[in-house]
Structures are given as C-alpha cells and as structure tokens.
C-alpha cells in the first residue's frame, strides 16, 4: 500500500499551512482551481503530499 496524499480540513487555511511549512519543511505549490478555498503543500521532491481545504466550505455529511 502507498499513501498518495492527505486532505486536512481547517477553519484557518493559512495558519494551518504556515504551521506545516515550518514544522515539516513543506512548501506551497500549484493547486487546481476548485470551487472552494484550499492550499496544496509539496515535499522536497515537489510531490503534492498535503492538501488543506476550508472546513466550512465542504459538505460535512
């Protein structure tokens, strides 16, 4: 089994991104224009490994 990426839901996308950038050494990168706010974080190999989306912008059913 291989983990491709993880999606995190956050109430403050930028705060979560800054935390993961500083603690894990990830960097923001390109993200497709979806219909909701979000950030993709990339590792040292330029692989998008963590996706962050607005918690209140997605149906939580």
Protein backbone atom coordinates (compact mmCIF):
# COMPACT_ATOMS: atom_id res chain seq x y z
CA UNK A 1 0.00 0.00 0.00
CA UNK A 2 1.12 3.55 -0.70
CA UNK A 3 -0.21 6.82 0.71
CA UNK A 4 -0.52 9.38 -2.09
CA UNK A 5 -1.64 12.44 -0.13
CA UNK A 6 -3.72 13.58 2.83
CA UNK A 7 -6.56 16.11 2.95
CA UNK A 8 -6.84 18.24 6.07
CA UNK A 9 -9.89 20.40 6.77
CA UNK A 10 -9.10 23.63 8.61
CA UNK A 11 -11.00 26.67 9.78
CA UNK A 12 -7.89 28.81 9.08
CA UNK A 13 -6.17 27.50 5.95
CA UNK A 14 -3.25 29.94 6.03
CA UNK A 15 -2.49 29.27 9.71
CA UNK A 16 -2.51 25.51 9.12
CA UNK A 17 -0.29 25.89 6.04
CA UNK A 18 2.22 28.05 7.93
CA UNK A 19 2.35 25.50 10.76
CA UNK A 20 3.02 22.60 8.37
CA UNK A 21 5.55 24.61 6.37
CA UNK A 22 7.55 25.49 9.49
CA UNK A 23 7.24 22.14 11.27
CA UNK A 24 7.56 19.71 8.32
CA UNK A 25 9.51 21.82 5.84
CA UNK A 26 6.78 21.67 3.18
CA UNK A 27 6.18 24.46 0.67
CA UNK A 28 3.08 25.85 -1.03
CA UNK A 29 2.64 24.95 -4.67
CA UNK A 30 0.23 24.91 -7.58
CA UNK A 31 -3.37 23.87 -6.96
CA UNK A 32 -6.18 23.42 -9.49
CA UNK A 33 -9.00 25.97 -9.34
CA UNK A 34 -11.59 24.00 -7.39
CA UNK A 35 -14.86 25.55 -6.22
CA UNK A 36 -13.58 26.03 -2.67
CA UNK A 37 -10.57 27.59 -0.90
CA UNK A 38 -7.51 25.49 -0.27
CA UNK A 39 -3.73 25.07 -0.38
CA UNK A 40 -1.53 22.24 -1.62
CA UNK A 41 1.75 21.65 0.18
CA UNK A 42 4.67 19.97 -1.57
CA UNK A 43 7.61 18.00 -0.21
CA UNK A 44 11.29 18.23 -1.23
CA UNK A 45 10.62 16.06 -4.30
CA UNK A 46 7.89 18.50 -5.48
CA UNK A 47 5.17 15.96 -4.72
CA UNK A 48 1.86 17.44 -3.51
CA UNK A 49 1.53 15.49 -0.26
CA UNK A 50 -0.85 17.52 1.92
CA UNK A 51 -3.99 19.27 0.71
CA UNK A 52 -5.72 21.74 3.02
CA UNK A 53 -9.32 22.82 2.41
CA UNK A 54 -11.73 25.12 4.21
CA UNK A 55 -13.64 23.14 6.82
CA UNK A 56 -16.80 25.17 6.35
CA UNK A 57 -16.61 25.21 2.56
CA UNK A 58 -17.28 21.48 2.16
CA UNK A 59 -20.41 19.47 2.86
CA UNK A 60 -19.61 17.50 6.05
CA UNK A 61 -22.45 14.95 5.76
